[in-house]
Amino acid sequence: QVQVVESGGGLVQPGGSLRLSCAASGSIFGIYPMGWYRQAPGKQRELVATITSGGSANYADSAKGRFTNSRNNANNTVYLQMNSLKPEDTAVYYCSADVAIQTTPGLVYRYWGQGTRVTVSS
């Protein structure tokens, strides 16, 4: 019913930049907060950033000052601009979307993308 698809990952050198995109599609009545999470090898998934439907963004301490989360409600897309990347940013990045679907507009479900891999290495 709802698909969440990330893109934009890849290999980048330390200090470089990447821009991740996440698009939600399907039988969508409304999308509420969207988030970015990451999971490094051998570690638990952790929150990176969230953004409300109104565009208010919050960041993990590790992302503050380096990452910028933005959103385009017209096409149900969220972006994560990542600058000054460090090797410790290496992880699979997942997008989440809290979505009300058309058949049950009063209920909100969290949908996840399949992840996009970011590798920061020289």
PDB file of N, CA and C in Angstrom:
ATOM      1  N   GLN A   1       0.816  -1.206   0.000  1.00  0.00           N
ATOM      2  CA  GLN A   1       0.000   0.000   0.000  1.00  0.00           C
ATOM      3  C   GLN A   1       0.850   1.257   0.000  1.00  0.00           C
ATOM      4  N   VAL A   2       1.941   1.222   0.762  1.00  0.00           N
ATOM      5  CA  VAL A   2       2.857   2.363   0.819  1.00  0.00           C
ATOM      6  C   VAL A   2       4.270   1.860   0.588  1.00  0.00           C
ATOM      7  N   GLN A   3       4.975   2.561  -0.275  1.00  0.00           N
ATOM      8  CA  GLN A   3       6.363   2.233  -0.524  1.00  0.00           C
ATOM      9  C   GLN A   3       7.234   3.421  -0.105  1.00  0.00           C
ATOM     10  N   VAL A   4       8.348   3.081   0.535  1.00  0.00           N
ATOM     11  CA  VAL A   4       9.316   4.091   0.945  1.00  0.00           C
ATOM     12  C   VAL A   4      10.650   3.691   0.328  1.00  0.00           C
ATOM     13  N   VAL A   5      11.217   4.570  -0.459  1.00  0.00           N
ATOM     14  CA  VAL A   5      12.424   4.225  -1.211  1.00  0.00           C
ATOM     15  C   VAL A   5      13.491   5.289  -0.996  1.00  0.00           C
ATOM     16  N   GLU A   6      14.655   4.837  -0.515  1.00  0.00           N
ATOM     17  CA  GLU A   6      15.789   5.744  -0.335  1.00  0.00           C
ATOM     18  C   GLU A   6      16.724   5.646  -1.535  1.00  0.00           C
ATOM     19  N   SER A   7      17.474   6.697  -1.720  1.00  0.00           N
ATOM     20  CA  SER A   7      18.507   6.697  -2.756  1.00  0.00           C
ATOM     21  C   SER A   7      19.582   7.710  -2.375  1.00  0.00           C
ATOM     22  N   GLY A   8      20.713   7.611  -3.056  1.00  0.00           N
ATOM     23  CA  GLY A   8      21.755   8.611  -2.879  1.00  0.00           C
ATOM     24  C   GLY A   8      22.976   8.160  -2.104  1.00  0.00           C
ATOM     25  N   GLY A   9      22.964   6.941  -1.596  1.00  0.00           N
ATOM     26  CA  GLY A   9      24.127   6.467  -0.869  1.00  0.00           C
ATOM     27  C   GLY A   9      25.302   6.199  -1.802  1.00  0.00           C
ATOM     28  N   GLY A  10      26.442   5.922  -1.197  1.00  0.00           N
ATOM     29  CA  GLY A  10      27.619   5.629  -1.995  1.00  0.00           C
ATOM     30  C   GLY A  10      28.883   5.731  -1.184  1.00  0.00           C
ATOM     31  N   LEU A  11      29.991   5.741  -1.894  1.00  0.00           N
ATOM     32  CA  LEU A  11      31.313   5.853  -1.279  1.00  0.00           C
ATOM     33  C   LEU A  11      31.797   7.292  -1.398  1.00  0.00           C
ATOM     34  N   VAL A  12      32.256   7.840  -0.294  1.00  0.00           N
ATOM     35  CA  VAL A  12      32.732   9.215  -0.279  1.00  0.00           C
ATOM     36  C   VAL A  12      33.945   9.301   0.636  1.00  0.00           C
ATOM     37  N   GLN A  13      34.836  10.202   0.319  1.00  0.00           N
ATOM     38  CA  GLN A  13      36.017  10.392   1.159  1.00  0.00           C
ATOM     39  C   GLN A  13      35.681  11.201   2.404  1.00  0.00           C
ATOM     40  N   PRO A  14      36.443  11.028   3.459  1.00  0.00           N
ATOM     41  CA  PRO A  14      36.238  11.865   4.654  1.00  0.00           C
ATOM     42  C   PRO A  14      36.273  13.341   4.292  1.00  0.00           C
ATOM     43  N   GLY A  15      35.330  14.079   4.876  1.00  0.00           N
ATOM     44  CA  GLY A  15      35.177  15.490   4.567  1.00  0.00           C
ATOM     45  C   GLY A  15      34.255  15.774   3.406  1.00  0.00           C
ATOM     46  N   GLY A  16      33.849  14.749   2.708  1.00  0.00           N
ATOM     47  CA  GLY A  16      32.975  14.920   1.557  1.00  0.00           C
ATOM     48  C   GLY A  16      31.512  15.042   1.937  1.00  0.00           C
ATOM     49  N   SER A  17      30.673  15.100   0.911  1.00  0.00           N
ATOM     50  CA  SER A  17      29.235  15.293   1.102  1.00  0.00           C
ATOM     51  C   SER A  17      28.441  14.282   0.295  1.00  0.00           C
ATOM     52  N   LEU A  18      27.274  13.982   0.793  1.00  0.00           N
ATOM     53  CA  LEU A  18      26.290  13.166   0.080  1.00  0.00           C
ATOM     54  C   LEU A  18      24.914  13.720   0.383  1.00  0.00           C
ATOM     55  N   ARG A  19      24.010  13.521  -0.559  1.00  0.00           N
ATOM     56  CA  ARG A  19      22.619  13.895  -0.334  1.00  0.00           C
ATOM     57  C   ARG A  19      21.751  12.662  -0.525  1.00  0.00           C
ATOM     58  N   LEU A  20      21.083  12.272   0.541  1.00  0.00           N
ATOM     59  CA  LEU A  20      20.161  11.144   0.479  1.00  0.00           C
ATOM     60  C   LEU A  20      18.755  11.654   0.207  1.00  0.00           C
ATOM     61  N   SER A  21      18.002  10.863  -0.529  1.00  0.00           N
ATOM     62  CA  SER A  21      16.605  11.173  -0.797  1.00  0.00           C
ATOM     63  C   SER A  21      15.745  10.006  -0.352  1.00  0.00           C
ATOM     64  N   CYS A  22      14.526  10.317   0.016  1.00  0.00           N
ATOM     65  CA  CYS A  22      13.560   9.288   0.417  1.00  0.00           C
ATOM     66  C   CYS A  22      12.191   9.716  -0.078  1.00  0.00           C
ATOM     67  N   ALA A  23      11.572   8.856  -0.861  1.00  0.00           N
ATOM     68  CA  ALA A  23      10.259   9.157  -1.410  1.00  0.00           C
ATOM     69  C   ALA A  23       9.246   8.125  -0.951  1.00  0.00           C
ATOM     70  N   ALA A  24       8.104   8.598  -0.504  1.00  0.00           N
ATOM     71  CA  ALA A  24       6.996   7.728  -0.121  1.00  0.00           C
ATOM     72  C   ALA A  24       5.917   7.807  -1.195  1.00  0.00           C
ATOM     73  N   SER A  25       5.323   6.655  -1.504  1.00  0.00           N
ATOM     74  CA  SER A  25       4.282   6.625  -2.526  1.00  0.00           C
ATOM     75  C   SER A  25       3.269   5.546  -2.177  1.00  0.00           C
ATOM     76  N   GLY A  26       2.114   5.619  -2.822  1.00  0.00           N
ATOM     77  CA  GLY A  26       1.081   4.626  -2.598  1.00  0.00           C
ATOM     78  C   GLY A  26      -0.227   5.274  -2.203  1.00  0.00           C
ATOM     79  N   SER A  27      -1.027   4.533  -1.466  1.00  0.00           N
ATOM     80  CA  SER A  27      -2.361   4.989  -1.071  1.00  0.00           C
ATOM     81  C   SER A  27      -2.266   5.854   0.182  1.00  0.00           C
ATOM     82  N   ILE A  28      -1.713   7.039   0.004  1.00  0.00           N
ATOM     83  CA  ILE A  28      -1.387   7.902   1.132  1.00  0.00           C
ATOM     84  C   ILE A  28      -2.477   8.935   1.351  1.00  0.00           C
ATOM     85  N   PHE A  29      -2.967   8.980   2.580  1.00  0.00           N
ATOM     86  CA  PHE A  29      -3.893  10.042   2.986  1.00  0.00           C
ATOM     87  C   PHE A  29      -3.112  11.229   3.525  1.00  0.00           C
ATOM     88  N   GLY A  30      -2.099  10.939   4.327  1.00  0.00           N
ATOM     89  CA  GLY A  30      -1.259  11.997   4.887  1.00  0.00           C
ATOM     90  C   GLY A  30       0.028  11.409   5.435  1.00  0.00           C
ATOM     91  N   ILE A  31       1.086  12.202   5.385  1.00  0.00           N
ATOM     92  CA  ILE A  31       2.371  11.790   5.957  1.00  0.00           C
ATOM     93  C   ILE A  31       2.718  12.741   7.076  1.00  0.00           C
ATOM     94  N   TYR A  32       3.102  12.215   8.198  1.00  0.00           N
ATOM     95  CA  TYR A  32       3.406  13.012   9.375  1.00  0.00           C
ATOM     96  C   TYR A  32       4.913  13.033   9.537  1.00  0.00           C
ATOM     97  N   PRO A  33       5.480  12.788  10.715  1.00  0.00           N
ATOM     98  CA  PRO A  33       6.944  12.865  10.763  1.00  0.00           C
ATOM     99  C   PRO A  33       7.626  11.839   9.860  1.00  0.00           C
ATOM    100  N   MET A  34       8.738  12.265   9.307  1.00  0.00           N
ATOM    101  CA  MET A  34       9.621  11.361   8.576  1.00  0.00           C
ATOM    102  C   MET A  34      10.971  11.410   9.247  1.00  0.00           C
ATOM    103  N   GLY A  35      11.674  10.306   9.190  1.00  0.00           N
ATOM    104  CA  GLY A  35      12.939  10.248   9.901  1.00  0.00           C
ATOM    105  C   GLY A  35      14.016   9.531   9.135  1.00  0.00           C
ATOM    106  N   TRP A  36      15.238   9.810   9.540  1.00  0.00           N
ATOM    107  CA  TRP A  36      16.398   9.090   9.049  1.00  0.00           C
ATOM    108  C   TRP A  36      17.050   8.366  10.217  1.00  0.00           C
ATOM    109  N   TYR A  37      17.361   7.111  10.002  1.00  0.00           N
ATOM    110  CA  TYR A  37      18.046   6.284  10.983  1.00  0.00           C
ATOM    111  C   TYR A  37      19.244   5.662  10.273  1.00  0.00           C
ATOM    112  N   ARG A  38      20.186   5.180  11.070  1.00  0.00           N
ATOM    113  CA  ARG A  38      21.308   4.482  10.468  1.00  0.00           C
ATOM    114  C   ARG A  38      21.723   3.313  11.343  1.00  0.00           C
ATOM    115  N   GLN A  39      22.316   2.336  10.693  1.00  0.00           N
ATOM    116  CA  GLN A  39      22.804   1.162  11.411  1.00  0.00           C
ATOM    117  C   GLN A  39      24.173   0.814  10.875  1.00  0.00           C
ATOM    118  N   ALA A  40      25.154   0.938  11.734  1.00  0.00           N
ATOM    119  CA  ALA A  40      26.520   0.572  11.387  1.00  0.00           C
ATOM    120  C   ALA A  40      26.729  -0.908  11.679  1.00  0.00           C
ATOM    121  N   PRO A  41      27.716  -1.520  11.050  1.00  0.00           N
ATOM    122  CA  PRO A  41      27.961  -2.946  11.291  1.00  0.00           C
ATOM    123  C   PRO A  41      28.185  -3.242  12.765  1.00  0.00           C
ATOM    124  N   GLY A  42      27.449  -4.214  13.277  1.00  0.00           N
ATOM    125  CA  GLY A  42      27.611  -4.622  14.659  1.00  0.00           C
ATOM    126  C   GLY A  42      26.976  -3.704  15.675  1.00  0.00           C
ATOM    127  N   LYS A  43      26.242  -2.705  15.205  1.00  0.00           N
ATOM    128  CA  LYS A  43      25.626  -1.750  16.129  1.00  0.00           C
ATOM    129  C   LYS A  43      24.120  -1.721  15.928  1.00  0.00           C
ATOM    130  N   GLN A  44      23.438  -1.156  16.917  1.00  0.00           N
ATOM    131  CA  GLN A  44      21.995  -1.008  16.819  1.00  0.00           C
ATOM    132  C   GLN A  44      21.631   0.174  15.917  1.00  0.00           C
ATOM    133  N   ARG A  45      20.446   0.114  15.372  1.00  0.00           N
ATOM    134  CA  ARG A  45      19.953   1.229  14.572  1.00  0.00           C
ATOM    135  C   ARG A  45      19.782   2.435  15.474  1.00  0.00           C
ATOM    136  N   GLU A  46      20.193   3.604  14.986  1.00  0.00           N
ATOM    137  CA  GLU A  46      20.093   4.820  15.773  1.00  0.00           C
ATOM    138  C   GLU A  46      19.441   5.927  14.955  1.00  0.00           C
ATOM    139  N   LEU A  47      18.800   6.814  15.669  1.00  0.00           N
ATOM    140  CA  LEU A  47      18.145   7.948  15.038  1.00  0.00           C
ATOM    141  C   LEU A  47      19.187   8.970  14.596  1.00  0.00           C
ATOM    142  N   VAL A  48      19.007   9.492  13.397  1.00  0.00           N
ATOM    143  CA  VAL A  48      19.880  10.543  12.883  1.00  0.00           C
ATOM    144  C   VAL A  48      19.160  11.887  12.882  1.00  0.00           C
ATOM    145  N   ALA A  49      17.960  11.906  12.324  1.00  0.00           N
ATOM    146  CA  ALA A  49      17.220  13.161  12.212  1.00  0.00           C
ATOM    147  C   ALA A  49      15.753  12.860  11.959  1.00  0.00           C
ATOM    148  N   THR A  50      14.900  13.782  12.375  1.00  0.00           N
ATOM    149  CA  THR A  50      13.482  13.695  12.067  1.00  0.00           C
ATOM    150  C   THR A  50      13.001  15.045  11.565  1.00  0.00           C
ATOM    151  N   ILE A  51      11.895  15.011  10.862  1.00  0.00           N
ATOM    152  CA  ILE A  51      11.305  16.264  10.380  1.00  0.00           C
ATOM    153  C   ILE A  51       9.793  16.119  10.361  1.00  0.00           C
ATOM    154  N   THR A  52       9.120  17.123  10.888  1.00  0.00           N
ATOM    155  CA  THR A  52       7.660  17.097  10.921  1.00  0.00           C
ATOM    156  C   THR A  52       7.087  17.514   9.569  1.00  0.00           C
ATOM    157  N   SER A  53       5.784  17.359   9.427  1.00  0.00           N
ATOM    158  CA  SER A  53       5.141  17.784   8.185  1.00  0.00           C
ATOM    159  C   SER A  53       5.251  19.295   7.993  1.00  0.00           C
ATOM    160  N   GLY A  54       5.432  20.017   9.092  1.00  0.00           N
ATOM    161  CA  GLY A  54       5.599  21.458   9.003  1.00  0.00           C
ATOM    162  C   GLY A  54       7.017  21.896   8.740  1.00  0.00           C
ATOM    163  N   GLY A  55       7.940  20.941   8.676  1.00  0.00           N
ATOM    164  CA  GLY A  55       9.322  21.265   8.351  1.00  0.00           C
ATOM    165  C   GLY A  55      10.237  21.475   9.541  1.00  0.00           C
ATOM    166  N   SER A  56       9.767  21.178  10.734  1.00  0.00           N
ATOM    167  CA  SER A  56      10.607  21.322  11.919  1.00  0.00           C
ATOM    168  C   SER A  56      11.498  20.098  12.065  1.00  0.00           C
ATOM    169  N   ALA A  57      12.809  20.328  12.067  1.00  0.00           N
ATOM    170  CA  ALA A  57      13.767  19.227  12.081  1.00  0.00           C
ATOM    171  C   ALA A  57      14.475  19.129  13.424  1.00  0.00           C
ATOM    172  N   ASN A  58      14.777  17.902  13.801  1.00  0.00           N
ATOM    173  CA  ASN A  58      15.583  17.630  14.981  1.00  0.00           C
ATOM    174  C   ASN A  58      16.693  16.667  14.595  1.00  0.00           C
ATOM    175  N   TYR A  59      17.805  16.765  15.309  1.00  0.00           N
ATOM    176  CA  TYR A  59      18.983  15.998  14.938  1.00  0.00           C
ATOM    177  C   TYR A  59      19.608  15.320  16.145  1.00  0.00           C
ATOM    178  N   ALA A  60      20.196  14.164  15.907  1.00  0.00           N
ATOM    179  CA  ALA A  60      21.054  13.552  16.900  1.00  0.00           C
ATOM    180  C   ALA A  60      22.296  14.428  17.063  1.00  0.00           C
ATOM    181  N   ASP A  61      22.917  14.339  18.220  1.00  0.00           N
ATOM    182  CA  ASP A  61      24.111  15.152  18.468  1.00  0.00           C
ATOM    183  C   ASP A  61      25.183  14.902  17.406  1.00  0.00           C
ATOM    184  N   SER A  62      25.272  13.682  16.946  1.00  0.00           N
ATOM    185  CA  SER A  62      26.293  13.337  15.958  1.00  0.00           C
ATOM    186  C   SER A  62      26.056  14.003  14.605  1.00  0.00           C
ATOM    187  N   ALA A  63      24.815  14.442  14.369  1.00  0.00           N
ATOM    188  CA  ALA A  63      24.464  15.036  13.083  1.00  0.00           C
ATOM    189  C   ALA A  63      24.386  16.562  13.117  1.00  0.00           C
ATOM    190  N   LYS A  64      24.288  17.112  14.290  1.00  0.00           N
ATOM    191  CA  LYS A  64      24.099  18.559  14.407  1.00  0.00           C
ATOM    192  C   LYS A  64      25.271  19.320  13.794  1.00  0.00           C
ATOM    193  N   GLY A  65      24.933  20.309  13.003  1.00  0.00           N
ATOM    194  CA  GLY A  65      25.953  21.146  12.383  1.00  0.00           C
ATOM    195  C   GLY A  65      26.532  20.584  11.101  1.00  0.00           C
ATOM    196  N   ARG A  66      26.267  19.321  10.814  1.00  0.00           N
ATOM    197  CA  ARG A  66      26.805  18.699   9.598  1.00  0.00           C
ATOM    198  C   ARG A  66      25.718  18.234   8.647  1.00  0.00           C
ATOM    199  N   PHE A  67      24.605  17.790   9.190  1.00  0.00           N
ATOM    200  CA  PHE A  67      23.521  17.235   8.381  1.00  0.00           C
ATOM    201  C   PHE A  67      22.344  18.200   8.378  1.00  0.00           C
ATOM    202  N   THR A  68      21.652  18.261   7.247  1.00  0.00           N
ATOM    203  CA  THR A  68      20.456  19.080   7.126  1.00  0.00           C
ATOM    204  C   THR A  68      19.336  18.240   6.540  1.00  0.00           C
ATOM    205  N   ASN A  69      18.233  18.222   7.258  1.00  0.00           N
ATOM    206  CA  ASN A  69      17.059  17.446   6.871  1.00  0.00           C
ATOM    207  C   ASN A  69      16.044  18.415   6.274  1.00  0.00           C
ATOM    208  N   SER A  70      15.537  18.104   5.100  1.00  0.00           N
ATOM    209  CA  SER A  70      14.529  18.967   4.486  1.00  0.00           C
ATOM    210  C   SER A  70      13.436  18.104   3.875  1.00  0.00           C
ATOM    211  N   ARG A  71      12.363  18.749   3.481  1.00  0.00           N
ATOM    212  CA  ARG A  71      11.184  17.976   3.079  1.00  0.00           C
ATOM    213  C   ARG A  71      10.412  18.722   2.007  1.00  0.00           C
ATOM    214  N   ASN A  72       9.873  17.962   1.070  1.00  0.00           N
ATOM    215  CA  ASN A  72       8.984  18.493   0.052  1.00  0.00           C
ATOM    216  C   ASN A  72       7.672  17.743   0.153  1.00  0.00           C
ATOM    217  N   ASN A  73       6.686  18.363   0.749  1.00  0.00           N
ATOM    218  CA  ASN A  73       5.406  17.691   0.961  1.00  0.00           C
ATOM    219  C   ASN A  73       4.649  17.458  -0.351  1.00  0.00           C
ATOM    220  N   ALA A  74       4.928  18.254  -1.346  1.00  0.00           N
ATOM    221  CA  ALA A  74       4.216  18.113  -2.621  1.00  0.00           C
ATOM    222  C   ALA A  74       4.493  16.771  -3.278  1.00  0.00           C
ATOM    223  N   ASN A  75       5.713  16.247  -3.073  1.00  0.00           N
ATOM    224  CA  ASN A  75       6.024  14.943  -3.662  1.00  0.00           C
ATOM    225  C   ASN A  75       6.430  13.916  -2.615  1.00  0.00           C
ATOM    226  N   ASN A  76       6.038  14.163  -1.375  1.00  0.00           N
ATOM    227  CA  ASN A  76       6.246  13.182  -0.290  1.00  0.00           C
ATOM    228  C   ASN A  76       7.700  12.735  -0.199  1.00  0.00           C
ATOM    229  N   THR A  77       8.597  13.684  -0.279  1.00  0.00           N
ATOM    230  CA  THR A  77      10.017  13.366  -0.295  1.00  0.00           C
ATOM    231  C   THR A  77      10.744  14.099   0.816  1.00  0.00           C
ATOM    232  N   VAL A  78      11.704  13.418   1.407  1.00  0.00           N
ATOM    233  CA  VAL A  78      12.561  14.020   2.418  1.00  0.00           C
ATOM    234  C   VAL A  78      14.008  13.828   1.977  1.00  0.00           C
ATOM    235  N   TYR A  79      14.841  14.799   2.326  1.00  0.00           N
ATOM    236  CA  TYR A  79      16.234  14.794   1.928  1.00  0.00           C
ATOM    237  C   TYR A  79      17.126  14.920   3.154  1.00  0.00           C
ATOM    238  N   LEU A  80      18.285  14.287   3.090  1.00  0.00           N
ATOM    239  CA  LEU A  80      19.285  14.441   4.133  1.00  0.00           C
ATOM    240  C   LEU A  80      20.595  14.853   3.466  1.00  0.00           C
ATOM    241  N   GLN A  81      20.932  16.122   3.622  1.00  0.00           N
ATOM    242  CA  GLN A  81      22.200  16.627   3.113  1.00  0.00           C
ATOM    243  C   GLN A  81      23.261  16.389   4.184  1.00  0.00           C
ATOM    244  N   MET A  82      24.277  15.627   3.837  1.00  0.00           N
ATOM    245  CA  MET A  82      25.307  15.262   4.797  1.00  0.00           C
ATOM    246  C   MET A  82      26.637  15.866   4.339  1.00  0.00           C
ATOM    247  N   ASN A  83      27.173  16.747   5.162  1.00  0.00           N
ATOM    248  CA  ASN A  83      28.444  17.399   4.871  1.00  0.00           C
ATOM    249  C   ASN A  83      29.492  16.992   5.909  1.00  0.00           C
ATOM    250  N   SER A  84      30.734  17.266   5.589  1.00  0.00           N
ATOM    251  CA  SER A  84      31.834  16.963   6.513  1.00  0.00           C
ATOM    252  C   SER A  84      31.752  15.537   7.029  1.00  0.00           C
ATOM    253  N   LEU A  85      31.554  14.613   6.127  1.00  0.00           N
ATOM    254  CA  LEU A  85      31.361  13.215   6.525  1.00  0.00           C
ATOM    255  C   LEU A  85      32.622  12.634   7.150  1.00  0.00           C
ATOM    256  N   LYS A  86      32.389  11.760   8.104  1.00  0.00           N
ATOM    257  CA  LYS A  86      33.457  11.107   8.854  1.00  0.00           C
ATOM    258  C   LYS A  86      33.356   9.597   8.655  1.00  0.00           C
ATOM    259  N   PRO A  87      34.443   8.885   8.862  1.00  0.00           N
ATOM    260  CA  PRO A  87      34.360   7.418   8.749  1.00  0.00           C
ATOM    261  C   PRO A  87      33.297   6.808   9.664  1.00  0.00           C
ATOM    262  N   GLU A  88      33.077   7.421  10.808  1.00  0.00           N
ATOM    263  CA  GLU A  88      32.067   6.885  11.732  1.00  0.00           C
ATOM    264  C   GLU A  88      30.633   7.107  11.251  1.00  0.00           C
ATOM    265  N   ASP A  89      30.458   7.845  10.177  1.00  0.00           N
ATOM    266  CA  ASP A  89      29.137   7.977   9.563  1.00  0.00           C
ATOM    267  C   ASP A  89      28.806   6.791   8.652  1.00  0.00           C
ATOM    268  N   THR A  90      29.759   5.921   8.457  1.00  0.00           N
ATOM    269  CA  THR A  90      29.538   4.743   7.626  1.00  0.00           C
ATOM    270  C   THR A  90      28.443   3.871   8.221  1.00  0.00           C
ATOM    271  N   ALA A  91      27.424   3.606   7.427  1.00  0.00           N
ATOM    272  CA  ALA A  91      26.272   2.839   7.910  1.00  0.00           C
ATOM    273  C   ALA A  91      25.296   2.650   6.760  1.00  0.00           C
ATOM    274  N   VAL A  92      24.297   1.822   7.015  1.00  0.00           N
ATOM    275  CA  VAL A  92      23.125   1.782   6.144  1.00  0.00           C
ATOM    276  C   VAL A  92      22.119   2.777   6.710  1.00  0.00           C
ATOM    277  N   TYR A  93      21.671   3.668   5.862  1.00  0.00           N
ATOM    278  CA  TYR A  93      20.741   4.714   6.272  1.00  0.00           C
ATOM    279  C   TYR A  93      19.326   4.334   5.841  1.00  0.00           C
ATOM    280  N   TYR A  94      18.426   4.393   6.806  1.00  0.00           N
ATOM    281  CA  TYR A  94      17.039   4.015   6.573  1.00  0.00           C
ATOM    282  C   TYR A  94      16.134   5.233   6.751  1.00  0.00           C
ATOM    283  N   CYS A  95      15.124   5.287   5.926  1.00  0.00           N
ATOM    284  CA  CYS A  95      14.117   6.336   6.031  1.00  0.00           C
ATOM    285  C   CYS A  95      12.848   5.736   6.624  1.00  0.00           C
ATOM    286  N   SER A  96      12.204   6.504   7.488  1.00  0.00           N
ATOM    287  CA  SER A  96      10.903   6.098   8.010  1.00  0.00           C
ATOM    288  C   SER A  96       9.876   7.172   7.684  1.00  0.00           C
ATOM    289  N   ALA A  97       8.644   6.734   7.497  1.00  0.00           N
ATOM    290  CA  ALA A  97       7.556   7.669   7.242  1.00  0.00           C
ATOM    291  C   ALA A  97       6.344   7.230   8.039  1.00  0.00           C
ATOM    292  N   ASP A  98       5.802   8.141   8.823  1.00  0.00           N
ATOM    293  CA  ASP A  98       4.579   7.873   9.578  1.00  0.00           C
ATOM    294  C   ASP A  98       3.403   8.294   8.701  1.00  0.00           C
ATOM    295  N   VAL A  99       2.644   7.309   8.260  1.00  0.00           N
ATOM    296  CA  VAL A  99       1.681   7.511   7.185  1.00  0.00           C
ATOM    297  C   VAL A  99       0.283   7.083   7.597  1.00  0.00           C
ATOM    298  N   ALA A 100      -0.694   7.902   7.256  1.00  0.00           N
ATOM    299  CA  ALA A 100      -2.088   7.488   7.303  1.00  0.00           C
ATOM    300  C   ALA A 100      -2.481   7.094   5.890  1.00  0.00           C
ATOM    301  N   ILE A 101      -3.048   5.899   5.739  1.00  0.00           N
ATOM    302  CA  ILE A 101      -3.417   5.449   4.409  1.00  0.00           C
ATOM    303  C   ILE A 101      -4.876   5.796   4.128  1.00  0.00           C
ATOM    304  N   GLN A 102      -5.242   5.783   2.863  1.00  0.00           N
ATOM    305  CA  GLN A 102      -6.546   6.294   2.449  1.00  0.00           C
ATOM    306  C   GLN A 102      -7.703   5.493   3.024  1.00  0.00           C
ATOM    307  N   THR A 103      -7.517   4.186   3.190  1.00  0.00           N
ATOM    308  CA  THR A 103      -8.622   3.359   3.666  1.00  0.00           C
ATOM    309  C   THR A 103      -8.860   3.507   5.163  1.00  0.00           C
ATOM    310  N   THR A 104      -7.856   3.934   5.899  1.00  0.00           N
ATOM    311  CA  THR A 104      -7.986   4.130   7.349  1.00  0.00           C
ATOM    312  C   THR A 104      -7.308   5.430   7.737  1.00  0.00           C
ATOM    313  N   PRO A 105      -7.867   6.562   7.353  1.00  0.00           N
ATOM    314  CA  PRO A 105      -7.187   7.843   7.564  1.00  0.00           C
ATOM    315  C   PRO A 105      -6.975   8.221   9.015  1.00  0.00           C
ATOM    316  N   GLY A 106      -7.664   7.567   9.934  1.00  0.00           N
ATOM    317  CA  GLY A 106      -7.483   7.883  11.346  1.00  0.00           C
ATOM    318  C   GLY A 106      -6.360   7.136  12.018  1.00  0.00           C
ATOM    319  N   LEU A 107      -5.742   6.211  11.311  1.00  0.00           N
ATOM    320  CA  LEU A 107      -4.654   5.410  11.867  1.00  0.00           C
ATOM    321  C   LEU A 107      -3.345   5.755  11.177  1.00  0.00           C
ATOM    322  N   VAL A 108      -2.286   5.786  11.949  1.00  0.00           N
ATOM    323  CA  VAL A 108      -0.969   6.121  11.412  1.00  0.00           C
ATOM    324  C   VAL A 108      -0.045   4.924  11.605  1.00  0.00           C
ATOM    325  N   TYR A 109       0.604   4.538  10.541  1.00  0.00           N
ATOM    326  CA  TYR A 109       1.555   3.429  10.577  1.00  0.00           C
ATOM    327  C   TYR A 109       2.924   3.955  10.185  1.00  0.00           C
ATOM    328  N   ARG A 110       3.964   3.292  10.707  1.00  0.00           N
ATOM    329  CA  ARG A 110       5.323   3.645  10.326  1.00  0.00           C
ATOM    330  C   ARG A 110       5.807   2.675   9.245  1.00  0.00           C
ATOM    331  N   TYR A 111       6.231   3.237   8.144  1.00  0.00           N
ATOM    332  CA  TYR A 111       6.781   2.455   7.041  1.00  0.00           C
ATOM    333  C   TYR A 111       8.277   2.744   6.930  1.00  0.00           C
ATOM    334  N   TRP A 112       9.014   1.715   6.516  1.00  0.00           N
ATOM    335  CA  TRP A 112      10.465   1.816   6.404  1.00  0.00           C
ATOM    336  C   TRP A 112      10.903   1.547   4.972  1.00  0.00           C
ATOM    337  N   GLY A 113      11.961   2.226   4.590  1.00  0.00           N
ATOM    338  CA  GLY A 113      12.606   1.903   3.333  1.00  0.00           C
ATOM    339  C   GLY A 113      13.570   0.749   3.500  1.00  0.00           C
ATOM    340  N   GLN A 114      14.180   0.367   2.380  1.00  0.00           N
ATOM    341  CA  GLN A 114      15.067  -0.785   2.393  1.00  0.00           C
ATOM    342  C   GLN A 114      16.492  -0.408   2.787  1.00  0.00           C
ATOM    343  N   GLY A 115      16.779   0.866   2.846  1.00  0.00           N
ATOM    344  CA  GLY A 115      18.092   1.341   3.254  1.00  0.00           C
ATOM    345  C   GLY A 115      18.989   1.661   2.081  1.00  0.00           C
ATOM    346  N   THR A 116      19.890   2.595   2.310  1.00  0.00           N
ATOM    347  CA  THR A 116      20.914   2.932   1.318  1.00  0.00           C
ATOM    348  C   THR A 116      22.248   3.020   2.052  1.00  0.00           C
ATOM    349  N   ARG A 117      23.257   2.424   1.460  1.00  0.00           N
ATOM    350  CA  ARG A 117      24.543   2.303   2.160  1.00  0.00           C
ATOM    351  C   ARG A 117      25.408   3.525   1.913  1.00  0.00           C
ATOM    352  N   VAL A 118      25.963   4.026   3.003  1.00  0.00           N
ATOM    353  CA  VAL A 118      26.920   5.139   2.944  1.00  0.00           C
ATOM    354  C   VAL A 118      28.244   4.644   3.510  1.00  0.00           C
ATOM    355  N   THR A 119      29.279   4.791   2.719  1.00  0.00           N
ATOM    356  CA  THR A 119      30.618   4.403   3.158  1.00  0.00           C
ATOM    357  C   THR A 119      31.540   5.609   3.066  1.00  0.00           C
ATOM    358  N   VAL A 120      32.139   5.958   4.193  1.00  0.00           N
ATOM    359  CA  VAL A 120      33.066   7.088   4.233  1.00  0.00           C
ATOM    360  C   VAL A 120      34.462   6.534   4.465  1.00  0.00           C
ATOM    361  N   SER A 121      35.261   6.616   3.443  1.00  0.00           N
ATOM    362  CA  SER A 121      36.586   5.998   3.517  1.00  0.00           C
ATOM    363  C   SER A 121      37.510   6.635   2.495  1.00  0.00           C
ATOM    364  N   SER A 122      38.771   6.709   2.845  1.00  0.00           N
ATOM    365  CA  SER A 122      39.768   7.201   1.898  1.00  0.00           C
ATOM    366  C   SER A 122      40.379   6.038   1.114  1.00  0.00           C
TER     367      SER A 122
END
